[in-house]
């Protein structure tokens, strides 16, 4: 049995398509792990970078032709996926073009129906397709349909032992890069193979479905909006794509942490198991803690992004309700930038943006015993004790309430306004203190002022920085916030001193 792969990466395009520098790097990363004898163990891996239409079609056809029944054939594509007016998927080449109306020129791109045909004609019964591109989920939906016009995924994919891994559905984009040079989906495919963490059943081999499950979970942690999918026929999901490198104690421990860390948290029942494994593998506690931190970091970053969104939303509500179009647009921009789930956003807005209670709810807080109703005439009170006294007391208290309530509201409003608009800020020079901070989170921004909502000057690249000053901003509304003043790419500004922005700081720092 031979294992053969064709890796296509298209990073440079004709006018009408954005360049995708990650595509070529995706090919090199996949080539590295597939050729490695202790990982992929492939006999032949052919890279193809920025091909034109003829070269790309020829390479795909050659890959599947003259194969033996037991050969494993893998086709990987990283680049732009384009749909035509009827919704069929095409893979863009370096010369793919669109009309002046923005429609795809089909003759300049490789149709997935062509790929389907050469797969069907191949003698190989072990075929794997990996598509890391826009609209890749359409691969299993837009091939030839049955004669009755219906669409059946298995009928379209056909073949024995066939599996298709896709980075996103037809409405999602898969090249939102964070802290890696690779596209997100390929990054986690490579990570799963390279670390052995995708060997979910600890069998020593990584099957197609295990690699998919691992990559999908990691992608969802980093970019919740993406939805990787797997399409299989017969035993395609059990195709063994790679060996698992789990001899390294740290890799074995990481694989177990990946397995038990559901929803970004290690549950108490799983802690004794991890502690026992740490001892069995001879790991230092510090090594185990470092592995756990790295595994859980993506989830932590997402939760902190969600908290930042909540803070901005609170501030927008305070400035005016209903929210202005500008505020709504900014919130939408933050959601897209941080890839926040719509359901999480909705939950935040329901907590804060809840409508007034119906009148019945307010009435339910009044003890029923304090109201006396005549059953024959509900508007007439029954005679009872002290009704005259209660009435006169009410007439005295009412004017006091009417006069005092507006005054209280005004005082509270002035307190909020002065605290929010003119907060106190104390700054300390620490330029010569030796303080150094470490940034790893790709979402960190350099703010013009020590304020969550001031203008963002630049995104802060990962690395170490020496702050020149440290300040504490205090307000009655936002509480106390600490900030570091640093220089990034020639621009000076402020970074908030919290766990979202700062991954580490030296002991000399405040």
Protein backbone atom coordinates (compact mmCIF):
# COMPACT_ATOMS: atom_id res chain seq x y z
CA UNK A 1 0.00 0.00 0.00
CA UNK A 2 1.33 3.43 -0.95
CA UNK A 3 0.46 6.74 0.72
CA UNK A 4 0.44 9.69 -1.68
CA UNK A 5 -0.56 13.33 -1.25
CA UNK A 6 -0.97 16.42 -3.41
CA UNK A 7 -0.85 19.70 -1.48
CA UNK A 8 -2.13 22.76 -3.36
CA UNK A 9 -1.73 26.26 -1.97
CA UNK A 10 -2.82 29.38 -3.85
CA UNK A 11 -1.65 32.57 -2.15
CA UNK A 12 -1.38 34.94 -5.14
CA UNK A 13 -4.35 35.84 -7.33
CA UNK A 14 -5.45 37.93 -10.27
CA UNK A 15 -7.45 41.11 -9.72
CA UNK A 16 -10.66 40.58 -7.79
CA UNK A 17 -9.27 38.23 -5.11
CA UNK A 18 -7.38 39.03 -1.93
CA UNK A 19 -3.93 37.52 -1.49
CA UNK A 20 -3.73 34.70 1.06
CA UNK A 21 -0.10 34.46 2.27
CA UNK A 22 -1.04 31.66 4.70
CA UNK A 23 -1.95 29.27 1.86
CA UNK A 24 1.63 28.61 0.77
CA UNK A 25 2.71 28.24 4.40
CA UNK A 26 -0.15 25.78 4.99
CA UNK A 27 1.29 23.55 2.25
CA UNK A 28 4.77 23.59 3.77
CA UNK A 29 3.43 22.78 7.26
CA UNK A 30 1.31 19.88 5.96
CA UNK A 31 4.23 18.61 3.88
CA UNK A 32 6.45 18.57 6.97
CA UNK A 33 4.11 16.43 9.09
CA UNK A 34 2.98 14.11 6.28
CA UNK A 35 6.55 13.24 5.21
CA UNK A 36 7.81 12.77 8.76
CA UNK A 37 8.36 9.01 9.30
CA UNK A 38 7.01 9.18 12.86
CA UNK A 39 3.94 11.23 11.88
CA UNK A 40 2.34 10.97 8.45
CA UNK A 41 4.78 8.47 6.99
CA UNK A 42 3.65 9.28 3.42
CA UNK A 43 5.68 7.85 0.55
CA UNK A 44 5.13 10.84 -1.74
CA UNK A 45 4.01 14.39 -1.01
CA UNK A 46 3.86 16.82 -3.95
CA UNK A 47 3.54 20.55 -3.18
CA UNK A 48 1.93 22.77 -5.83
CA UNK A 49 2.05 26.53 -5.20
CA UNK A 50 0.09 29.14 -7.20
CA UNK A 51 -0.71 26.90 -10.20
CA UNK A 52 -2.69 27.99 -13.24
CA UNK A 53 -5.82 26.09 -14.32
CA UNK A 54 -4.08 23.51 -16.54
CA UNK A 55 -1.36 22.67 -14.03
CA UNK A 56 -3.83 22.30 -11.18
CA UNK A 57 -6.24 20.04 -13.08
CA UNK A 58 -3.41 17.90 -14.41
CA UNK A 59 -1.86 17.42 -10.96
CA UNK A 60 -5.21 16.39 -9.46
CA UNK A 61 -5.91 13.93 -12.26
CA UNK A 62 -2.43 12.39 -12.05
CA UNK A 63 -2.82 12.00 -8.26
CA UNK A 64 -5.82 9.70 -8.64
CA UNK A 65 -4.80 7.85 -11.85
CA UNK A 66 -2.98 4.50 -11.96
CA UNK A 67 -3.46 3.81 -8.28
CA UNK A 68 -3.80 0.46 -6.59
CA UNK A 69 -6.92 -0.45 -4.66
CA UNK A 70 -5.20 -0.22 -1.27
CA UNK A 71 -3.38 3.06 -1.93
CA UNK A 72 -4.22 5.99 0.35
CA UNK A 73 -4.61 9.18 -1.71
CA UNK A 74 -4.89 12.61 -0.04
CA UNK A 75 -5.72 15.90 -1.77
CA UNK A 76 -5.21 19.09 0.26
CA UNK A 77 -6.23 22.57 -0.93
CA UNK A 78 -5.67 25.91 0.78
CA UNK A 79 -6.92 29.04 -0.97
CA UNK A 80 -10.05 30.76 -2.20
CA UNK A 81 -13.21 28.75 -2.76
CA UNK A 82 -15.72 30.44 -5.08
CA UNK A 83 -19.35 29.62 -5.83
CA UNK A 84 -21.06 30.29 -9.14
CA UNK A 85 -24.56 31.70 -9.56
CA UNK A 86 -26.09 28.23 -9.09
CA UNK A 87 -24.16 27.59 -5.88
CA UNK A 88 -21.60 25.10 -7.24
CA UNK A 89 -18.14 25.24 -5.71
CA UNK A 90 -14.94 26.01 -7.64
CA UNK A 91 -11.35 26.10 -6.38
CA UNK A 92 -9.59 29.28 -7.48
CA UNK A 93 -6.26 29.13 -9.31
CA UNK A 94 -3.69 31.92 -9.51
CA UNK A 95 -5.37 33.11 -12.76
CA UNK A 96 -9.03 32.79 -11.73
CA UNK A 97 -11.01 35.89 -12.70
CA UNK A 98 -14.45 37.42 -12.34
CA UNK A 99 -16.57 39.39 -14.79
CA UNK A 100 -17.12 43.12 -14.44
CA UNK A 101 -20.40 42.20 -12.71
CA UNK A 102 -18.48 40.18 -10.12
CA UNK A 103 -19.51 36.75 -11.43
CA UNK A 104 -17.03 33.88 -11.61
CA UNK A 105 -15.49 33.00 -14.98
CA UNK A 106 -15.91 29.24 -14.63
CA UNK A 107 -13.30 28.47 -17.30
CA UNK A 108 -10.59 29.93 -15.05
CA UNK A 109 -11.24 27.78 -11.93
CA UNK A 110 -11.30 24.06 -11.08
CA UNK A 111 -14.82 22.77 -10.51
CA UNK A 112 -15.35 20.27 -7.70
CA UNK A 113 -17.39 18.17 -10.15
CA UNK A 114 -14.11 17.59 -12.03
CA UNK A 115 -12.48 16.40 -8.80
CA UNK A 116 -15.46 14.16 -8.14
CA UNK A 117 -15.10 12.55 -11.58
CA UNK A 118 -11.40 11.73 -11.23
CA UNK A 119 -12.02 10.36 -7.72
CA UNK A 120 -14.75 8.07 -9.05
CA UNK A 121 -12.51 6.83 -11.87
CA UNK A 122 -9.62 6.05 -9.52
CA UNK A 123 -8.99 2.46 -8.40
CA UNK A 124 -7.99 3.69 -4.96
CA UNK A 125 -10.63 2.98 -2.36
CA UNK A 126 -8.97 5.06 0.35
CA UNK A 127 -9.42 8.71 -0.58
CA UNK A 128 -9.15 11.78 1.64
CA UNK A 129 -9.90 15.38 0.68
CA UNK A 130 -9.01 18.35 2.92
CA UNK A 131 -10.36 21.74 1.85
CA UNK A 132 -9.26 24.79 3.81
CA UNK A 133 -11.09 27.49 1.89
CA UNK A 134 -14.15 29.71 1.85
CA UNK A 135 -17.38 27.80 1.14
CA UNK A 136 -15.58 24.45 1.49
CA UNK A 137 -18.67 22.97 3.12
CA UNK A 138 -20.32 23.23 -0.30
CA UNK A 139 -18.03 20.49 -1.69
CA UNK A 140 -20.38 17.75 -0.52
CA UNK A 141 -23.48 19.62 -1.58
CA UNK A 142 -22.81 20.89 -5.06
CA UNK A 143 -21.66 17.87 -7.03
CA UNK A 144 -23.89 15.81 -9.33
CA UNK A 145 -27.34 15.18 -7.91
CA UNK A 146 -29.55 12.14 -8.39
CA UNK A 147 -31.72 11.86 -11.47
CA UNK A 148 -34.74 13.10 -9.53
CA UNK A 149 -32.96 16.38 -8.81
CA UNK A 150 -32.58 15.79 -5.06
CA UNK A 151 -29.23 16.21 -3.34
CA UNK A 152 -27.82 13.33 -1.31
CA UNK A 153 -24.41 13.77 0.30
CA UNK A 154 -23.44 10.11 0.18
CA UNK A 155 -24.57 9.78 -3.42
CA UNK A 156 -22.53 12.83 -4.38
CA UNK A 157 -19.36 11.68 -2.58
CA UNK A 158 -19.73 8.08 -3.73
CA UNK A 159 -16.89 5.58 -3.49
CA UNK A 160 -15.65 3.27 -0.78
CA UNK A 161 -13.70 4.63 2.15
CA UNK A 162 -13.95 8.27 1.16
CA UNK A 163 -13.66 11.18 3.61
CA UNK A 164 -13.85 14.94 3.07
CA UNK A 165 -12.72 17.40 5.75
CA UNK A 166 -13.82 21.02 5.29
CA UNK A 167 -12.84 24.09 7.26
CA UNK A 168 -16.15 25.94 7.09
CA UNK A 169 -19.70 25.91 5.86
CA UNK A 170 -20.79 27.80 2.77
CA UNK A 171 -21.29 31.03 4.72
CA UNK A 172 -18.03 31.17 6.66
CA UNK A 173 -14.51 32.35 6.07
CA UNK A 174 -11.53 30.30 7.19
CA UNK A 175 -8.50 32.59 6.90
CA UNK A 176 -8.96 34.78 10.01
CA UNK A 177 -5.42 34.46 11.36
CA UNK A 178 -4.66 34.99 15.04
CA UNK A 179 -1.21 34.23 16.47
CA UNK A 180 -0.08 31.84 13.74
CA UNK A 181 1.23 32.20 10.19
CA UNK A 182 -1.05 29.36 9.08
CA UNK A 183 -4.75 29.49 8.42
CA UNK A 184 -6.69 28.54 11.53
CA UNK A 185 -7.99 25.18 10.32
CA UNK A 186 -4.68 23.94 8.93
CA UNK A 187 -2.92 25.14 12.08
CA UNK A 188 -4.96 22.76 14.22
CA UNK A 189 -4.71 19.89 11.74
CA UNK A 190 -0.92 20.19 11.90
CA UNK A 191 -0.99 20.62 15.68
CA UNK A 192 -3.12 17.51 16.14
CA UNK A 193 -0.70 15.39 14.10
CA UNK A 194 2.53 16.97 15.32
CA UNK A 195 1.72 16.72 19.01
CA UNK A 196 -0.22 13.47 18.85
CA UNK A 197 -3.12 15.19 20.61
CA UNK A 198 -5.51 14.11 17.83
CA UNK A 199 -5.07 10.47 18.86
CA UNK A 200 -8.21 10.69 20.97
CA UNK A 201 -8.45 6.97 21.77
CA UNK A 202 -4.70 6.60 22.52
CA UNK A 203 -4.37 3.87 19.90
CA UNK A 204 -1.09 5.16 18.50
CA UNK A 205 -2.69 6.18 15.19
CA UNK A 206 -4.78 9.16 14.09
CA UNK A 207 -7.86 8.40 12.02
CA UNK A 208 -9.72 10.89 9.83
CA UNK A 209 -12.57 11.29 12.29
CA UNK A 210 -10.19 11.81 15.24
CA UNK A 211 -8.27 14.48 13.35
CA UNK A 212 -11.55 16.17 12.44
CA UNK A 213 -12.90 16.03 16.00
CA UNK A 214 -9.70 17.49 17.40
CA UNK A 215 -9.39 20.27 14.81
CA UNK A 216 -13.08 21.16 15.04
CA UNK A 217 -12.97 21.51 18.83
CA UNK A 218 -9.82 23.63 18.73
CA UNK A 219 -11.17 25.82 15.91
CA UNK A 220 -14.44 26.39 17.79
CA UNK A 221 -12.48 27.45 20.87
CA UNK A 222 -10.43 29.95 18.89
CA UNK A 223 -13.05 31.08 16.35
CA UNK A 224 -16.55 30.05 17.45
CA UNK A 225 -18.14 31.31 14.23
CA UNK A 226 -16.34 28.69 12.12
CA UNK A 227 -17.95 25.28 11.65
CA UNK A 228 -15.60 22.58 10.29
CA UNK A 229 -17.43 19.55 8.89
CA UNK A 230 -16.67 15.95 7.91
CA UNK A 231 -18.37 13.95 5.16
CA UNK A 232 -17.77 10.20 4.94
CA UNK A 233 -18.81 7.17 2.95
CA UNK A 234 -18.60 3.62 4.34
CA UNK A 235 -15.48 3.46 6.53
CA UNK A 236 -13.94 6.69 5.31
CA UNK A 237 -13.94 8.14 8.81
CA UNK A 238 -11.57 5.36 9.93
CA UNK A 239 -8.91 6.08 7.32
CA UNK A 240 -5.61 6.20 9.21
CA UNK A 241 -3.90 9.42 8.17
CA UNK A 242 -0.98 9.57 10.59
CA UNK A 243 0.83 8.00 13.51
CA UNK A 244 0.56 9.52 16.95
CA UNK A 245 3.73 10.82 18.59
CA UNK A 246 2.73 10.24 22.19
CA UNK A 247 6.01 8.82 23.52
CA UNK A 248 6.99 12.26 24.80
CA UNK A 249 5.56 12.57 28.35
CA UNK A 250 4.59 16.19 27.76
CA UNK A 251 2.70 15.28 24.59
CA UNK A 252 0.88 12.46 26.37
CA UNK A 253 -0.12 14.77 29.20
CA UNK A 254 -1.28 17.42 26.73
CA UNK A 255 -3.39 14.84 24.90
CA UNK A 256 -5.15 13.93 28.15
CA UNK A 257 -5.72 17.57 29.11
CA UNK A 258 -7.23 18.16 25.66
CA UNK A 259 -9.59 15.27 26.26
CA UNK A 260 -10.86 16.24 29.71
CA UNK A 261 -10.92 20.04 29.36
CA UNK A 262 -14.55 20.35 28.31
CA UNK A 263 -15.81 23.90 27.77
CA UNK A 264 -12.38 25.30 28.60
CA UNK A 265 -12.31 24.10 32.19
CA UNK A 266 -10.85 21.10 34.01
CA UNK A 267 -13.65 19.72 36.17
CA UNK A 268 -12.90 18.62 39.76
CA UNK A 269 -13.55 14.88 39.04
CA UNK A 270 -10.82 14.98 36.37
CA UNK A 271 -8.19 16.62 38.58
CA UNK A 272 -7.09 13.44 40.46
CA UNK A 273 -6.70 11.62 37.12
CA UNK A 274 -4.48 14.36 35.72
CA UNK A 275 -2.42 14.50 38.94
CA UNK A 276 -1.87 10.73 38.83
CA UNK A 277 -0.86 10.89 35.15
CA UNK A 278 1.55 13.73 35.91
CA UNK A 279 3.29 11.56 38.51
CA UNK A 280 3.31 8.46 36.26
CA UNK A 281 4.95 10.40 33.44
CA UNK A 282 7.50 11.97 35.77
CA UNK A 283 6.51 15.52 34.91
CA UNK A 284 7.26 18.43 37.21
CA UNK A 285 4.18 20.22 38.52
CA UNK A 286 5.36 23.39 36.79
CA UNK A 287 5.57 21.54 33.44
CA UNK A 288 2.05 20.16 33.86
CA UNK A 289 0.69 23.58 34.83
CA UNK A 290 2.32 25.16 31.77
CA UNK A 291 0.68 22.59 29.48
CA UNK A 292 -2.73 23.18 31.06
CA UNK A 293 -2.38 26.95 30.70
CA UNK A 294 -1.58 26.65 27.00
CA UNK A 295 -4.48 24.27 26.35
CA UNK A 296 -7.00 26.45 28.17
CA UNK A 297 -5.67 29.77 26.86
CA UNK A 298 -7.89 29.89 23.76
CA UNK A 299 -10.99 29.49 25.91
CA UNK A 300 -9.75 32.09 28.39
CA UNK A 301 -9.05 34.60 25.63
CA UNK A 302 -12.56 34.11 24.29
CA UNK A 303 -14.16 34.65 27.71
CA UNK A 304 -12.11 37.80 28.29
CA UNK A 305 -13.07 39.09 24.85
CA UNK A 306 -16.68 38.49 25.82
CA UNK A 307 -16.15 40.49 29.02
CA UNK A 308 -14.62 43.37 27.04
CA UNK A 309 -17.68 43.35 24.78
CA UNK A 310 -19.92 43.48 27.85
CA UNK A 311 -18.03 46.52 29.21
CA UNK A 312 -18.38 48.36 25.91
CA UNK A 313 -22.07 47.48 25.71
CA UNK A 314 -22.65 48.81 29.25
CA UNK A 315 -20.93 52.06 28.36
CA UNK A 316 -23.00 52.41 25.17
CA UNK A 317 -26.24 51.89 27.10
CA UNK A 318 -25.24 54.56 29.62
CA UNK A 319 -24.60 57.06 26.84
CA UNK A 320 -28.03 56.59 25.33
CA UNK A 321 -30.84 54.12 24.86
CA UNK A 322 -32.05 52.89 22.42
CA UNK A 323 -28.53 52.42 21.08
CA UNK A 324 -27.47 54.64 18.21
CA UNK A 325 -26.58 53.20 14.81
CA UNK A 326 -22.96 54.08 15.48
CA UNK A 327 -22.93 52.12 18.75
CA UNK A 328 -24.63 49.15 17.11
CA UNK A 329 -22.11 49.16 14.27
CA UNK A 330 -19.21 49.29 16.72
CA UNK A 331 -20.64 46.38 18.70
CA UNK A 332 -21.02 44.39 15.49
CA UNK A 333 -17.43 45.20 14.58
CA UNK A 334 -16.22 43.96 17.98
CA UNK A 335 -18.23 40.75 17.63
CA UNK A 336 -16.68 40.03 14.24
CA UNK A 337 -13.17 41.03 15.30
CA UNK A 338 -13.23 38.80 18.37
CA UNK A 339 -15.33 36.08 16.66
CA UNK A 340 -17.95 36.02 19.43
CA UNK A 341 -20.89 33.67 19.20
CA UNK A 342 -24.25 35.30 18.51
CA UNK A 343 -25.86 33.33 21.33
CA UNK A 344 -23.30 34.68 23.84
CA UNK A 345 -23.89 38.23 22.62
CA UNK A 346 -27.65 37.76 22.93
CA UNK A 347 -27.26 36.52 26.48
CA UNK A 348 -25.27 39.63 27.45
CA UNK A 349 -27.82 41.95 25.88
CA UNK A 350 -30.71 40.14 27.56
CA UNK A 351 -29.08 40.59 30.95
CA UNK A 352 -28.52 44.31 30.50
CA UNK A 353 -30.96 45.36 27.80
CA UNK A 354 -34.05 43.75 29.38
CA UNK A 355 -37.41 45.48 28.83
CA UNK A 356 -39.42 46.99 31.66
CA UNK A 357 -41.37 44.53 33.77
CA UNK A 358 -45.05 44.17 32.92
CA UNK A 359 -47.35 45.91 35.34
CA UNK A 360 -48.45 42.58 36.74
CA UNK A 361 -44.92 41.88 37.94
CA UNK A 362 -44.77 45.13 39.87
CA UNK A 363 -48.08 44.42 41.53
CA UNK A 364 -46.93 40.97 42.58
CA UNK A 365 -44.46 42.57 45.01
CA UNK A 366 -47.27 44.10 47.04
CA UNK A 367 -48.47 41.87 49.91
CA UNK A 368 -52.05 40.84 49.25
CA UNK A 369 -52.95 41.33 52.89
CA UNK A 370 -52.42 45.10 52.60
CA UNK A 371 -55.24 45.51 50.05
CA UNK A 372 -58.87 45.08 51.06
CA UNK A 373 -61.32 44.53 48.20
CA UNK A 374 -65.13 44.35 48.32
CA UNK A 375 -66.13 41.25 46.37
CA UNK A 376 -69.38 42.87 45.22
CA UNK A 377 -67.73 46.15 44.17
CA UNK A 378 -63.97 45.83 43.58
CA UNK A 379 -63.53 49.62 43.43
CA UNK A 380 -64.97 50.16 46.91
CA UNK A 381 -62.88 49.45 50.05
CA UNK A 382 -64.42 47.54 52.91
CA UNK A 383 -64.70 49.46 56.17
CA UNK A 384 -61.87 48.80 58.55
CA UNK A 385 -59.69 50.35 61.23
CA UNK A 386 -57.54 53.49 60.75
CA UNK A 387 -58.62 54.17 57.13
CA UNK A 388 -58.84 57.90 57.87
CA UNK A 389 -55.41 57.92 59.49
CA UNK A 390 -53.87 56.00 56.57
CA UNK A 391 -55.40 58.44 54.10
CA UNK A 392 -54.07 61.52 55.91
CA UNK A 393 -50.67 59.89 56.29
CA UNK A 394 -50.60 59.15 52.57
CA UNK A 395 -51.48 62.79 51.76
CA UNK A 396 -48.52 63.94 53.86
CA UNK A 397 -45.99 61.45 52.48
CA UNK A 398 -46.99 61.91 48.81
CA UNK A 399 -45.70 65.51 48.41
CA UNK A 400 -42.44 64.55 50.14
CA UNK A 401 -41.93 61.70 47.66
CA UNK A 402 -42.85 63.86 44.67
CA UNK A 403 -40.34 66.53 45.68
CA UNK A 404 -37.55 64.27 46.96
CA UNK A 405 -37.44 61.69 44.18
CA UNK A 406 -36.33 64.08 41.38
CA UNK A 407 -33.65 65.49 43.68
CA UNK A 408 -32.28 62.02 44.39
CA UNK A 409 -32.24 61.18 40.68
CA UNK A 410 -30.38 64.40 39.86
CA UNK A 411 -27.76 63.76 42.57
CA UNK A 412 -27.16 60.20 41.36
CA UNK A 413 -26.90 61.36 37.75
CA UNK A 414 -24.37 64.08 38.64
CA UNK A 415 -22.35 61.56 40.64
CA UNK A 416 -22.25 59.14 37.70
CA UNK A 417 -21.48 61.87 35.19
CA UNK A 418 -18.60 63.42 37.09
CA UNK A 419 -17.14 60.03 37.99
CA UNK A 420 -17.27 58.77 34.43
CA UNK A 421 -16.22 61.90 32.56
CA UNK A 422 -13.56 63.10 34.99
CA UNK A 423 -12.07 60.01 36.67
CA UNK A 424 -8.95 60.38 38.75
CA UNK A 425 -5.71 59.08 37.27
CA UNK A 426 -2.44 58.65 39.12
CA UNK A 427 0.68 58.00 37.02
CA UNK A 428 4.06 56.72 38.25
CA UNK A 429 7.32 56.76 36.25
CA UNK A 430 8.78 53.20 36.06
CA UNK A 431 11.13 53.66 33.09
CA UNK A 432 14.24 52.71 35.07
CA UNK A 433 12.64 50.11 37.34
CA UNK A 434 13.47 47.10 35.15
CA UNK A 435 9.78 46.25 34.72
CA UNK A 436 9.04 44.06 31.69
CA UNK A 437 5.65 42.78 30.47
CA UNK A 438 4.89 39.91 28.08
CA UNK A 439 2.12 40.02 25.46
CA UNK A 440 0.90 36.86 23.71
CA UNK A 441 -2.79 37.58 23.09
CA UNK A 442 -3.24 38.72 19.43
CA UNK A 443 -6.29 40.81 20.37
CA UNK A 444 -4.38 43.32 22.50
CA UNK A 445 -4.52 46.92 21.27
CA UNK A 446 -2.47 49.99 22.13
CA UNK A 447 -4.91 52.68 23.30
CA UNK A 448 -4.30 56.40 22.86
CA UNK A 449 -5.45 57.07 26.44
CA UNK A 450 -5.78 54.89 29.55
CA UNK A 451 -9.43 54.26 28.75
CA UNK A 452 -11.21 51.14 27.44
CA UNK A 453 -12.96 53.16 24.77
CA UNK A 454 -10.24 55.49 23.57
CA UNK A 455 -8.91 55.25 20.00
CA UNK A 456 -6.89 52.15 19.17
CA UNK A 457 -3.48 53.11 17.77
CA UNK A 458 -2.17 49.70 16.69
CA UNK A 459 -2.43 45.99 17.44
CA UNK A 460 0.35 44.86 19.80
CA UNK A 461 2.55 42.06 18.36
CA UNK A 462 3.50 39.21 20.69
CA UNK A 463 6.69 39.89 22.64
CA UNK A 464 8.20 41.64 25.67
CA UNK A 465 7.89 45.36 26.36
CA UNK A 466 9.40 47.72 28.94
CA UNK A 467 6.78 50.20 30.17
CA UNK A 468 7.80 53.77 30.87
CA UNK A 469 4.94 54.46 33.25
CA UNK A 470 2.20 52.77 35.25
CA UNK A 471 -1.08 54.47 36.04
CA UNK A 472 -4.20 53.78 38.05
CA UNK A 473 -7.52 55.10 36.78
CA UNK A 474 -10.32 55.28 39.36
CA UNK A 475 -13.96 56.03 38.77
CA UNK A 476 -17.14 55.29 40.65
CA UNK A 477 -18.65 53.63 37.55
CA UNK A 478 -15.77 51.46 36.29
CA UNK A 479 -13.93 50.96 39.57
CA UNK A 480 -10.14 50.91 39.61
CA UNK A 481 -8.11 50.03 36.49
CA UNK A 482 -4.33 49.79 36.08
CA UNK A 483 -2.52 50.69 32.83
CA UNK A 484 1.01 50.44 31.42
CA UNK A 485 2.45 53.11 29.11
CA UNK A 486 4.55 51.48 26.36
CA UNK A 487 5.94 52.17 22.89
CA UNK A 488 4.88 49.83 20.06
CA UNK A 489 6.14 50.22 16.49
CA UNK A 490 7.12 53.83 17.14
CA UNK A 491 3.74 54.76 18.68
CA UNK A 492 3.24 55.44 22.37
CA UNK A 493 0.07 54.54 24.22
CA UNK A 494 -1.53 52.54 26.99
CA UNK A 495 -2.20 48.83 27.58
CA UNK A 496 -4.59 47.79 30.32
CA UNK A 497 -2.94 45.80 33.11
CA UNK A 498 -5.23 42.76 33.31
CA UNK A 499 -5.07 39.04 32.47
CA UNK A 500 -6.71 39.64 29.08
CA UNK A 501 -3.84 41.82 27.85
CA UNK A 502 -0.83 40.89 29.99
CA UNK A 503 0.35 37.27 29.92
CA UNK A 504 3.28 37.87 32.26
CA UNK A 505 5.28 40.56 33.99
CA UNK A 506 8.53 40.71 35.92
CA UNK A 507 8.68 41.08 39.68
CA UNK A 508 9.82 44.70 39.29
CA UNK A 509 6.46 45.69 37.84
CA UNK A 510 3.78 47.28 40.05
